[in-house]
Protein backbone atom coordinates (compact mmCIF):
# COMPACT_ATOMS: atom_id res chain seq x y z
CA MET A 1 24.13 15.36 -4.56
CA LYS A 2 24.44 17.64 -7.58
CA ASN A 3 21.55 20.05 -8.14
CA GLN A 4 21.36 18.95 -11.77
CA THR A 5 20.98 15.30 -10.74
CA LEU A 6 18.13 16.15 -8.35
CA SER A 7 16.47 18.35 -10.96
CA ASN A 8 16.60 15.59 -13.59
CA TYR A 9 15.26 13.08 -11.08
CA LYS A 10 12.32 15.38 -10.20
CA ASP A 11 11.49 15.90 -13.88
CA TYR A 12 11.57 12.18 -14.70
CA LEU A 13 9.61 11.33 -11.55
CA PHE A 14 6.92 13.88 -12.43
CA LEU A 15 6.64 12.59 -15.99
CA TYR A 16 6.48 8.99 -14.78
CA LEU A 17 3.74 9.77 -12.25
CA PHE A 18 1.80 11.81 -14.81
CA LEU A 19 2.01 8.89 -17.26
CA LEU A 20 0.78 6.45 -14.61
CA PHE A 21 -2.06 8.78 -13.61
CA SER A 22 -3.17 9.23 -17.24
CA MET A 23 -3.11 5.47 -17.79
CA SER A 24 -5.00 4.92 -14.53
CA VAL A 25 -7.78 7.28 -15.60
CA CYS A 26 -8.10 5.47 -18.94
CA PHE A 27 -8.32 2.04 -17.29
CA LEU A 28 -10.72 3.24 -14.59
CA TYR A 29 -13.01 4.61 -17.30
CA LEU A 30 -12.81 1.37 -19.27
CA LYS A 31 -13.63 -0.88 -16.33
CA HIS A 32 -16.06 1.14 -14.24
CA ASP A 33 -19.05 -0.32 -16.11
CA VAL A 34 -17.72 -3.89 -16.21
CA GLY A 35 -20.15 -6.11 -14.33
CA ASN A 36 -17.54 -8.32 -12.65
CA ASP A 37 -14.86 -5.74 -11.78
CA SER A 38 -13.15 -6.59 -8.48
CA THR A 39 -12.65 -2.96 -7.49
CA ILE A 40 -16.30 -2.00 -7.88
CA SER A 41 -17.36 -5.09 -5.91
CA GLU A 42 -15.38 -3.71 -2.95
CA TRP A 43 -16.54 -0.11 -3.38
CA ILE A 44 -20.26 -1.00 -3.22
CA ILE A 45 -19.99 -2.50 0.28
CA ASN A 46 -21.97 -0.20 2.57
CA TYR A 47 -23.80 0.09 5.91
CA SER A 48 -27.34 -0.48 4.59
CA GLY A 49 -27.55 -3.83 6.37
CA GLY A 50 -25.51 -2.82 9.42
CA PHE A 51 -22.02 -1.81 10.51
CA THR A 52 -19.57 -3.93 8.52
CA LYS A 53 -15.95 -3.94 7.39
CA ARG A 54 -14.99 -1.85 4.35
CA GLY A 55 -18.37 -0.13 4.30
CA LEU A 56 -17.34 3.51 4.82
CA ILE A 57 -16.36 4.37 1.24
CA GLY A 58 -19.39 2.57 -0.20
CA GLN A 59 -21.70 4.43 2.14
CA ILE A 60 -20.17 7.78 1.15
CA SER A 61 -20.50 6.85 -2.54
CA ILE A 62 -24.16 5.92 -2.03
CA TYR A 63 -24.82 9.24 -0.25
CA PHE A 64 -23.38 11.25 -3.17
CA SER A 65 -25.21 9.08 -5.69
CA ARG A 66 -28.49 9.87 -3.96
CA PHE A 67 -27.64 13.54 -3.44
CA PHE A 68 -26.73 14.18 -7.09
CA ASP A 69 -29.22 11.62 -8.43
CA SER A 70 -26.40 10.00 -10.39
CA GLU A 71 -25.43 6.45 -11.26
CA LEU A 72 -23.54 4.82 -8.39
CA ARG A 73 -20.78 3.58 -10.70
CA ASP A 74 -20.28 7.08 -12.12
CA ILE A 75 -19.88 8.50 -8.60
CA ILE A 76 -17.41 5.73 -7.79
CA LEU A 77 -15.44 6.54 -10.96
CA TYR A 78 -15.18 10.23 -10.01
CA PHE A 79 -13.99 9.29 -6.51
CA GLN A 80 -11.47 6.83 -7.92
CA VAL A 81 -9.94 9.40 -10.29
CA LEU A 82 -9.77 11.90 -7.42
CA ILE A 83 -8.17 9.44 -5.03
CA ILE A 84 -5.64 8.19 -7.63
CA GLY A 85 -4.68 11.79 -8.41
CA THR A 86 -4.31 12.57 -4.70
CA TYR A 87 -2.07 9.53 -4.24
CA PHE A 88 0.31 10.47 -7.06
CA ILE A 89 0.51 14.09 -5.86
CA LEU A 90 1.41 12.95 -2.33
CA ILE A 91 3.95 10.46 -3.69
CA PHE A 92 5.61 13.24 -5.70
CA ILE A 93 5.70 15.56 -2.67
CA PHE A 94 7.17 12.78 -0.54
CA LEU A 95 9.80 11.61 -3.05
CA LYS A 96 10.79 14.73 -4.99
CA ASN A 97 13.73 15.84 -2.84
CA ILE A 98 15.28 12.42 -2.27
CA PHE A 99 17.86 10.82 -4.54
CA LEU A 100 20.02 8.04 -3.07
CA GLU A 101 22.27 6.77 -5.86
CA ARG A 102 21.38 4.25 -8.57
CA ILE A 103 20.02 1.55 -6.28
CA TYR A 104 17.32 4.01 -5.21
CA LEU A 105 16.05 4.27 -8.78
CA LEU A 106 15.44 0.51 -8.77
CA CYS A 107 13.48 0.93 -5.51
CA ILE A 108 11.24 3.61 -7.02
CA PHE A 109 10.64 2.13 -10.48
CA THR A 110 10.28 -1.52 -9.44
CA PRO A 111 7.12 -3.11 -10.92
CA VAL A 112 5.76 -3.96 -7.45
CA PHE A 113 5.45 -0.30 -6.43
CA LEU A 114 3.72 2.46 -8.43
CA LEU A 115 3.41 0.56 -11.70
CA TYR A 116 1.79 -2.54 -10.19
CA PRO A 117 -1.89 -1.43 -9.95
CA VAL A 118 -1.71 0.18 -13.41
CA TYR A 119 -0.85 -3.01 -15.28
CA GLU A 120 -2.87 -5.26 -12.93
CA ILE A 121 -6.03 -3.24 -13.47
CA GLU A 122 -8.16 -5.51 -11.26
CA VAL A 123 -6.14 -4.00 -8.40
CA LEU A 124 -6.40 -0.40 -9.63
CA ALA A 125 -8.07 1.85 -7.03
CA ARG A 126 -8.65 -0.96 -4.54
CA LYS A 127 -9.15 0.10 -0.93
CA GLU A 128 -5.45 -0.08 0.00
CA ILE A 129 -4.83 3.14 -1.91
CA PHE A 130 -6.61 4.95 0.91
CA ILE A 131 -4.18 3.31 3.34
CA PHE A 132 -1.22 4.60 1.32
CA ILE A 133 -2.67 8.13 1.29
CA LEU A 134 -3.45 8.17 5.01
CA PHE A 135 -0.03 6.70 5.81
CA ILE A 136 1.77 9.39 3.77
CA ILE A 137 -0.33 12.12 5.41
CA HIS A 138 0.61 10.73 8.83
CA LEU A 139 4.31 10.66 7.90
CA LEU A 140 4.19 14.24 6.59
CA ILE A 141 2.57 15.37 9.85
CA LEU A 142 5.33 13.61 11.81
CA ILE A 143 7.94 15.40 9.69
CA TYR A 144 6.50 18.92 9.70
CA LYS A 145 3.96 19.07 12.58
CA PHE A 146 5.19 16.51 15.08
CA LYS A 147 3.17 17.99 17.95
CA TYR A 148 0.05 16.63 16.22
CA ALA A 149 1.47 13.09 16.03
CA ASN A 150 -1.00 11.51 18.46
CA ILE A 151 -4.11 13.08 16.97
CA SER A 152 -2.80 12.15 13.52
CA LYS A 153 -2.44 8.47 14.28
CA LEU A 154 -5.80 8.44 16.07
CA ILE A 155 -7.54 9.80 12.99
CA THR A 156 -5.52 8.19 10.18
CA PHE A 157 -5.31 4.71 11.67
CA THR A 158 -8.98 4.63 12.74
CA ILE A 159 -10.14 5.74 9.29
CA SER A 160 -7.77 3.19 7.74
CA VAL A 161 -9.44 0.38 9.70
CA LEU A 162 -12.91 1.56 8.65
CA ILE A 163 -11.82 1.48 5.00
CA TRP A 164 -9.61 -1.64 4.90
CA GLU A 165 -9.31 -3.58 8.15
CA PRO A 166 -6.26 -5.75 7.19
CA VAL A 167 -4.22 -2.61 7.90
CA LEU A 168 -4.11 -4.10 11.41
CA PHE A 169 -1.34 -6.45 10.20
CA PHE A 170 0.75 -3.37 9.42
CA LEU A 171 0.23 -1.77 12.84
CA PRO A 172 3.76 -2.82 13.96
CA MET A 173 5.09 -0.52 11.24
CA TRP A 174 3.15 2.44 12.65
CA ILE A 175 4.36 1.60 16.17
CA PHE A 176 7.96 1.20 14.98
CA ILE A 177 7.79 4.70 13.47
CA ASP A 178 6.52 6.02 16.82
CA ILE A 179 9.36 4.39 18.70
CA ALA A 180 12.05 5.45 16.22
CA SER A 181 10.82 9.06 16.24
CA LYS A 182 11.13 9.63 19.99
CA ASP A 183 13.63 9.37 22.79
CA PHE A 184 12.68 6.90 25.48
CA ASP A 185 14.07 6.93 28.93
CA LYS A 186 14.22 3.62 30.72
CA LYS A 187 12.74 5.01 33.92
CA ASN A 188 9.44 6.08 32.35
CA ASN A 189 9.37 3.61 29.45
CA LEU A 190 6.27 1.55 30.36
CA LEU A 191 3.97 4.49 31.09
CA PHE A 192 5.26 6.39 28.08
CA LEU A 193 4.70 3.43 25.76
CA ILE A 194 1.15 2.82 26.98
CA LYS A 195 0.20 6.48 26.64
CA ASP A 196 1.78 6.65 23.21
CA GLN A 197 0.01 3.61 21.77
CA ILE A 198 -3.44 4.18 23.27
CA PHE A 199 -4.36 6.31 20.26
CA TYR A 200 -4.45 3.15 18.15
CA LEU A 201 -7.03 1.60 20.48
CA PRO A 202 -10.20 2.86 18.71
CA GLY A 203 -9.00 1.35 15.43
CA ILE A 204 -8.11 -1.96 17.11
CA ILE A 205 -11.52 -2.12 18.82
CA ILE A 206 -13.32 -1.45 15.53
CA CYS A 207 -11.28 -4.21 13.90
CA MET A 208 -12.27 -6.64 16.65
CA VAL A 209 -15.92 -5.72 16.09
CA PHE A 210 -15.55 -6.59 12.42
CA ILE A 211 -13.89 -9.92 13.26
CA PHE A 212 -16.29 -11.10 15.96
CA ASN A 213 -19.50 -9.51 14.71
CA PRO A 214 -19.78 -10.15 10.94
CA LEU A 215 -22.98 -9.36 9.04
CA SER A 216 -25.75 -11.87 9.58
CA GLU A 217 -27.47 -13.47 6.60
CA LEU A 218 -30.45 -11.14 7.07
CA GLU A 219 -28.27 -8.02 7.29
CA HIS A 220 -26.34 -9.03 4.19
CA PHE A 221 -29.64 -9.64 2.38
CA GLN A 222 -30.80 -6.13 3.32
CA MET A 223 -27.64 -4.60 1.88
CA ALA A 224 -27.88 -6.69 -1.28
CA THR A 225 -31.56 -5.77 -1.70
CA ILE A 226 -30.91 -2.01 -1.50
CA LEU A 227 -28.06 -2.32 -3.98
CA LYS A 228 -30.28 -4.24 -6.39
CA ASN A 229 -33.50 -2.25 -6.05
CA GLU A 230 -32.03 1.25 -5.82
CA PHE A 231 -28.85 1.01 -7.89
CA ASN A 232 -29.35 -2.13 -9.98
CA GLU A 233 -26.12 -3.55 -8.54
CA VAL A 234 -25.52 -7.21 -7.70
CA CYS A 235 -23.68 -7.88 -4.45
CA TYR A 236 -20.86 -9.94 -6.02
CA MET A 237 -17.23 -10.89 -5.31
CA SER A 238 -15.89 -8.80 -2.37
CA CYS A 239 -19.41 -7.73 -1.43
CA SER A 240 -20.67 -11.31 -1.55
CA LEU A 241 -17.68 -12.62 0.45
CA LEU A 242 -18.92 -10.65 3.48
CA LEU A 243 -21.43 -13.48 3.84
CA HIS A 244 -19.63 -16.50 2.39
CA LYS A 245 -16.14 -15.86 3.76
CA SER A 246 -16.76 -13.82 6.87
CA THR A 247 -15.25 -15.87 9.72
CA PHE A 248 -11.59 -15.96 10.67
CA MET A 249 -11.34 -19.70 9.88
CA GLN A 250 -13.05 -19.34 6.50
CA GLN A 251 -10.37 -16.80 5.54
CA PHE A 252 -7.73 -19.53 5.94
CA THR A 253 -9.50 -22.63 4.65
CA GLY A 254 -10.82 -20.83 1.56
CA ASN A 255 -7.30 -20.59 0.13
CA PHE A 256 -5.91 -24.06 0.81
CA HIS A 257 -6.49 -25.20 -2.78
CA ALA A 258 -4.00 -22.60 -4.07
CA TYR A 259 -1.06 -23.51 -1.82
CA SER A 260 1.06 -25.67 -4.09
CA THR A 261 4.86 -25.88 -3.82
CA GLU A 262 5.22 -24.22 -7.22
CA ASN A 263 2.98 -21.27 -6.34
CA VAL A 264 4.60 -20.62 -2.96
CA LEU A 265 8.16 -20.89 -4.30
CA ARG A 266 7.32 -18.57 -7.19
CA TYR A 267 6.08 -15.88 -4.82
CA ILE A 268 9.01 -16.29 -2.46
CA TRP A 269 11.24 -15.60 -5.46
CA ILE A 270 9.08 -12.62 -6.48
CA MET A 271 9.29 -11.15 -2.96
CA PHE A 272 13.06 -11.66 -2.85
CA ILE A 273 13.60 -9.91 -6.20
CA ALA A 274 11.08 -7.15 -5.40
CA PHE A 275 12.58 -6.24 -2.02
CA LEU A 276 16.24 -6.76 -2.99
CA PRO A 277 17.13 -3.13 -3.91
CA LEU A 278 15.37 -1.79 -0.82
CA PHE A 279 17.14 -4.21 1.49
CA ILE A 280 20.48 -3.41 -0.16
CA LEU A 281 19.81 0.20 0.81
CA LEU A 282 18.79 -0.83 4.32
CA LYS A 283 22.05 -2.75 4.76
CA ASN A 284 23.94 0.48 4.17
CA ILE A 285 22.26 2.51 6.90
CA ASN A 286 22.47 2.78 10.65
CA PHE A 287 20.40 4.47 13.31
CA ARG A 288 21.64 7.87 14.31
CA LYS A 289 22.61 7.84 17.97
CA LYS A 290 20.60 10.33 19.99
CA LYS A 291 21.43 12.24 23.10
CA LYS A 292 18.99 10.19 25.14
CA PHE A 293 19.15 6.44 25.25
CA ASN A 294 16.37 4.72 23.31
CA PHE A 295 16.18 1.35 25.05
CA LEU A 296 13.74 -0.02 22.44
CA ILE A 297 16.10 0.42 19.49
CA ASN A 298 19.65 -0.86 19.57
CA SER A 299 21.60 1.44 17.26
CA GLU A 300 24.22 -1.29 16.79
CA LYS A 301 21.73 -3.67 15.16
CA LYS A 302 21.06 -3.61 11.44
CA VAL A 303 17.94 -1.73 10.39
CA THR A 304 16.97 -4.73 8.23
CA ASN A 305 16.41 -6.77 11.43
CA TYR A 306 13.66 -4.37 12.50
CA PHE A 307 12.03 -4.47 9.07
CA TYR A 308 11.94 -8.28 9.17
CA LEU A 309 10.26 -8.02 12.57
CA ILE A 310 7.62 -5.44 11.73
CA LEU A 311 6.71 -7.23 8.48
CA SER A 312 6.34 -10.66 10.11
CA PRO A 313 2.58 -10.27 10.95
CA VAL A 314 1.92 -9.81 7.22
CA LEU A 315 2.60 -13.53 6.78
CA ILE A 316 -0.84 -14.10 8.35
CA LEU A 317 -2.35 -11.95 5.61
CA PHE A 318 -0.68 -14.13 2.98
CA LEU A 319 -2.29 -17.20 4.59
CA MET A 320 -5.70 -15.53 4.76
CA GLY A 321 -5.84 -13.91 1.34
CA TYR A 322 -5.66 -15.11 -2.25
CA ASP A 323 -4.29 -11.87 -3.76
CA TRP A 324 -0.60 -12.35 -3.01
CA GLY A 325 0.44 -9.78 -5.61
CA ARG A 326 -1.51 -7.14 -3.71
CA TRP A 327 0.08 -8.14 -0.39
CA VAL A 328 3.54 -7.77 -1.95
CA ASN A 329 2.61 -4.34 -3.35
CA ILE A 330 1.17 -3.14 -0.01
CA SER A 331 4.08 -4.50 2.03
CA TYR A 332 6.64 -2.96 -0.31
CA THR A 333 4.91 0.42 -0.52
CA LEU A 334 4.60 0.85 3.26
CA SER A 335 8.16 -0.44 3.80
CA LEU A 336 9.66 1.99 1.29
CA LEU A 337 7.66 4.91 2.72
CA THR A 338 8.80 3.98 6.22
CA PHE A 339 12.45 3.85 5.15
CA LEU A 340 12.19 7.23 3.41
CA TYR A 341 10.49 8.73 6.47
CA LEU A 342 13.37 7.58 8.68
CA TYR A 343 15.78 9.21 6.24
CA LYS A 344 13.83 12.47 5.90
CA LYS A 345 13.44 12.68 9.68
CA ASP A 346 17.21 12.20 10.11
CA ILE A 347 16.71 9.07 12.25
CA ILE A 348 19.06 7.00 10.09
CA ILE A 349 22.42 7.65 8.46
CA ILE A 350 23.20 6.34 4.98
CA ASN A 351 26.74 5.23 4.22
CA PHE A 352 27.06 6.90 0.82
CA GLU A 353 30.73 6.00 0.51
CA THR A 354 29.88 2.30 0.62
CA LEU A 355 26.99 2.80 -1.79
CA LYS A 356 29.24 4.57 -4.30
CA LYS A 357 31.61 1.59 -4.23
CA SER A 358 28.82 -0.94 -4.75
CA ARG A 359 28.77 -2.98 -7.95
CA ILE A 360 25.68 -1.23 -9.29
CA ASN A 361 27.40 2.18 -9.09
CA LEU A 362 30.59 0.89 -10.70
CA LEU A 363 28.74 -0.20 -13.82
CA SER A 364 28.90 1.89 -16.95
CA LEU A 365 25.83 3.99 -17.69
CA ARG A 366 24.98 1.70 -20.62
CA ASN A 367 25.09 -1.47 -18.51
CA PHE A 368 23.15 0.10 -15.66
CA SER A 369 20.49 1.34 -18.08
CA LEU A 370 20.08 -2.20 -19.39
CA ILE A 371 19.72 -3.60 -15.86
CA PHE A 372 17.30 -0.79 -14.98
CA ILE A 373 15.04 -1.53 -17.95
CA ILE A 374 15.07 -5.29 -17.38
CA TYR A 375 14.45 -5.07 -13.62
CA CYS A 376 11.81 -2.34 -13.70
CA PHE A 377 9.93 -2.95 -16.93
CA ALA A 378 10.52 -6.52 -18.15
CA TRP A 379 8.62 -8.52 -15.52
CA SER A 380 5.62 -8.26 -13.22
CA PRO A 381 3.83 -10.38 -10.59
CA LYS A 382 0.20 -11.30 -11.13
CA THR A 383 -2.47 -10.54 -8.55
CA VAL A 384 -3.37 -14.00 -7.31
CA ILE A 385 -1.04 -16.69 -5.99
CA THR A 386 -1.87 -19.02 -8.90
CA GLY A 387 -0.92 -16.44 -11.53
CA ASP A 388 2.34 -16.76 -13.42
CA ILE A 389 4.90 -13.97 -13.80
CA GLY A 390 3.94 -11.42 -16.46
CA SER A 391 6.25 -9.66 -18.90
CA PHE A 392 6.79 -6.06 -20.05
CA PRO A 393 3.99 -4.52 -17.93
CA LEU A 394 4.44 -0.88 -18.99
CA TYR A 395 4.57 -1.75 -22.68
CA ARG A 396 1.49 -3.98 -22.44
CA ALA A 397 -0.47 -1.33 -20.54
CA LEU A 398 0.41 1.37 -23.08
CA TYR A 399 -0.39 -0.95 -25.98
CA LYS A 400 -3.78 -1.76 -24.48
CA ILE A 401 -4.62 1.94 -24.26
CA TYR A 402 -3.41 2.48 -27.81
CA LYS A 403 -5.59 -0.35 -29.17
CA THR A 404 -8.63 0.81 -27.18
CA PHE A 405 -8.59 4.55 -27.75
CA LEU A 406 -6.46 5.16 -30.86
CA THR A 407 -7.38 2.36 -33.27
């Protein structure tokens, strides 16, 4: 890679992330006082009525609201700006020294990655952003301070469950990273595996508590009462669903009305297009053979096979949840970060010679630029399964800010 190419990439990446952060702050400010905002409805969930899923961040927000005698929504806004800024800083740190030919640019600037929550502002600063941050922190610890790997996954995964319990469906990705990062010897494989994965147990147990011990009607009423009397907040949407959609079966049956052939086929197409550049990259890599034999990973098999496997539990999340756009964004983000971790950790080898001969690299700069603009900025998935495909997301987001603040 030429130093000039990497330098240009870093500059453009920084500017892109700064633009997205600035737009995020504008939209967070605009919507933090909106009475029916989906993000706020999730952030006000707390432990006032008892230990419940997704209550940690709400409880912390309530504590600071009381401590500073400030409006709860203002405290939430400050936290959201801080957490969005933290996310973009970590993304820049993680991506700044990696450039993998043209196809990589499509992976980074695809509308289902960093741009998605900015144009779908109902998703902006939802709880999964904490999962992204904790996941990146865990990957950075594995890269630079591997001896703290076990304590890292104990802390990051447990906190992830307390914030957003569907992270359990992505646990195979965390385990796959564990397995790929270490040498396993067949003789001690069972004991080693058990010892290695036991650090996920607290998070799994907490998740089971959430599943089998949802808030009772009385406990939910207590939480709603405190929100209303102390903060003048109505327990709506995500907060309300803790009572009305709390059981495992209700999660499935509540979405049956949206499962039409048209909706499902549209999202299959969206997922195919969204993941295509990443899986093209994955097809051009192989596991690096280590000195010791890793019986859990066959270096002769394609890496894509393992990604299909570790993403398969997420299909349950698609059946349980209505926000299919979010599930695509979360699945893509964690998949891309996992791939880049494997590359940074020197676990995989990229066949750059094959990549250079690929059709996308043989295009003229003009033709590639046209494809880049169309693929990255001309379309966008909507949040819910019933939503149609949007168009020109970056332009529409910028225009909305222009009309709101400058006219």
